[in-house]
Amino acid sequence: MLPNFILNILSSALVLFYGYLSFKALETTTKVDDEQWLTFWLVYTVVSFVEVITDNLVFWFPFYGELKLLALVYLGYFKGAETWYNLFLKKLLQDHEKDIDLAIKEAEDAA
């Protein structure tokens, strides 16, 4: 098991690298890589939100940090984000899109 600070550095470096790849994608003329990284960031955002809730419940699980790092590699390098988006997130967002849009509008109006 790697120390947490090493796992945090590796995860942060990987996210920074994905950010750079996103920049590179934006600078190309093709939209395929833009879509890949936009999908990654959407899935990553949802995973990060869920992680805030679940971390306190499962942090004790052996190799939890290593599994999180592998998941990050899978999402970015092996197009796992595209798979998870197509299998789960797309349908979930489509089903609740009107409710989400309404909640955002109400929050904007109240601000």
Protein backbone atom coordinates (compact mmCIF):
# COMPACT_ATOMS: atom_id res chain seq x y z
CA MET A 1 0.00 0.00 0.00
CA LEU A 2 1.32 3.39 -0.99
CA PRO A 3 1.24 6.25 1.52
CA ASN A 4 -1.72 8.62 1.08
CA PHE A 5 0.45 11.62 0.30
CA ILE A 6 2.05 9.71 -2.61
CA LEU A 7 -1.37 8.66 -3.90
CA ASN A 8 -2.59 12.26 -3.63
CA ILE A 9 0.43 13.55 -5.54
CA LEU A 10 0.00 10.92 -8.27
CA SER A 11 -3.74 11.60 -8.57
CA SER A 12 -3.22 15.35 -8.71
CA ALA A 13 -0.46 15.00 -11.29
CA LEU A 14 -2.69 12.79 -13.41
CA VAL A 15 -5.57 15.27 -13.23
CA LEU A 16 -3.16 18.07 -14.17
CA PHE A 17 -1.97 15.97 -17.12
CA TYR A 18 -5.57 15.38 -18.19
CA GLY A 19 -6.09 19.12 -18.02
CA TYR A 20 -3.13 19.59 -20.36
CA LEU A 21 -4.52 16.97 -22.75
CA SER A 22 -7.81 18.89 -22.67
CA PHE A 23 -5.95 22.05 -23.67
CA LYS A 24 -4.29 20.17 -26.52
CA ALA A 25 -7.69 18.86 -27.62
CA LEU A 26 -9.15 22.36 -27.67
CA GLU A 27 -6.31 23.50 -29.93
CA THR A 28 -7.05 20.89 -32.61
CA THR A 29 -9.61 21.34 -35.35
CA THR A 30 -11.33 18.01 -34.71
CA LYS A 31 -14.23 17.71 -32.27
CA VAL A 32 -13.65 14.04 -31.38
CA ASP A 33 -10.98 14.78 -28.79
CA ASP A 34 -13.01 17.72 -27.43
CA GLU A 35 -15.92 15.36 -26.84
CA GLN A 36 -13.65 12.78 -25.20
CA TRP A 37 -12.29 15.25 -22.66
CA LEU A 38 -15.60 17.00 -22.05
CA THR A 39 -17.09 13.59 -21.27
CA PHE A 40 -14.15 12.82 -18.99
CA TRP A 41 -14.59 16.05 -17.01
CA LEU A 42 -18.32 15.49 -16.62
CA VAL A 43 -17.84 11.95 -15.31
CA TYR A 44 -14.89 13.05 -13.16
CA THR A 45 -17.04 15.78 -11.59
CA VAL A 46 -19.80 13.31 -10.72
CA VAL A 47 -17.29 10.78 -9.37
CA SER A 48 -15.65 13.51 -7.26
CA PHE A 49 -19.03 14.49 -5.80
CA VAL A 50 -19.88 10.89 -4.95
CA GLU A 51 -16.40 10.44 -3.51
CA VAL A 52 -16.98 13.23 -0.98
CA ILE A 53 -19.89 11.22 0.39
CA THR A 54 -18.40 7.73 0.18
CA ASP A 55 -14.79 8.43 1.22
CA ASN A 56 -15.68 8.47 4.91
CA LEU A 57 -17.43 5.13 4.57
CA VAL A 58 -14.89 3.13 2.60
CA PHE A 59 -11.49 4.77 3.21
CA TRP A 60 -10.52 1.80 5.40
CA PHE A 61 -10.96 -0.65 2.52
CA PRO A 62 -7.57 -2.22 1.64
CA PHE A 63 -5.99 -0.58 -1.41
CA TYR A 64 -8.80 1.99 -1.63
CA GLY A 65 -6.38 4.76 -2.64
CA GLU A 66 -4.73 2.58 -5.24
CA LEU A 67 -8.13 1.61 -6.66
CA LYS A 68 -9.11 5.28 -6.90
CA LEU A 69 -5.90 6.00 -8.80
CA LEU A 70 -6.53 3.07 -11.16
CA ALA A 71 -10.08 4.31 -11.71
CA LEU A 72 -8.71 7.71 -12.69
CA VAL A 73 -6.35 6.06 -15.17
CA TYR A 74 -9.24 3.98 -16.55
CA LEU A 75 -11.50 7.02 -16.96
CA GLY A 76 -8.91 9.02 -18.87
CA TYR A 77 -6.64 6.60 -20.69
CA PHE A 78 -8.98 3.79 -21.57
CA LYS A 79 -12.03 5.93 -22.36
CA GLY A 80 -13.76 4.62 -19.26
CA ALA A 81 -15.48 7.97 -18.90
CA GLU A 82 -17.17 7.45 -22.26
CA THR A 83 -18.31 3.99 -21.18
CA TRP A 84 -19.72 5.22 -17.85
CA TYR A 85 -21.37 8.19 -19.53
CA ASN A 86 -23.10 6.02 -22.11
CA LEU A 87 -24.09 3.29 -19.64
CA PHE A 88 -25.32 5.39 -16.73
CA LEU A 89 -24.88 9.13 -16.69
CA LYS A 90 -26.44 10.06 -20.03
CA LYS A 91 -29.77 8.40 -19.22
CA LEU A 92 -29.78 9.78 -15.68
CA LEU A 93 -29.19 13.32 -16.87
CA GLN A 94 -31.70 13.03 -19.71
CA ASP A 95 -34.35 11.74 -17.31
CA HIS A 96 -33.82 14.63 -14.89
CA GLU A 97 -32.75 17.39 -17.26
CA LYS A 98 -35.92 19.49 -16.88
CA ASP A 99 -35.79 19.28 -13.08
CA ILE A 100 -32.11 20.23 -13.02
CA ASP A 101 -32.67 23.14 -15.42
CA LEU A 102 -35.58 24.36 -13.29
CA ALA A 103 -33.53 24.17 -10.09
CA ILE A 104 -30.69 26.11 -11.73
CA LYS A 105 -33.10 28.76 -13.01
CA GLU A 106 -34.71 29.13 -9.59
CA ALA A 107 -31.28 29.49 -7.98
CA GLU A 108 -30.27 32.12 -10.54
CA ASP A 109 -33.52 34.03 -10.03
CA ALA A 110 -33.07 33.98 -6.28
CA ALA A 111 -29.51 35.31 -6.48
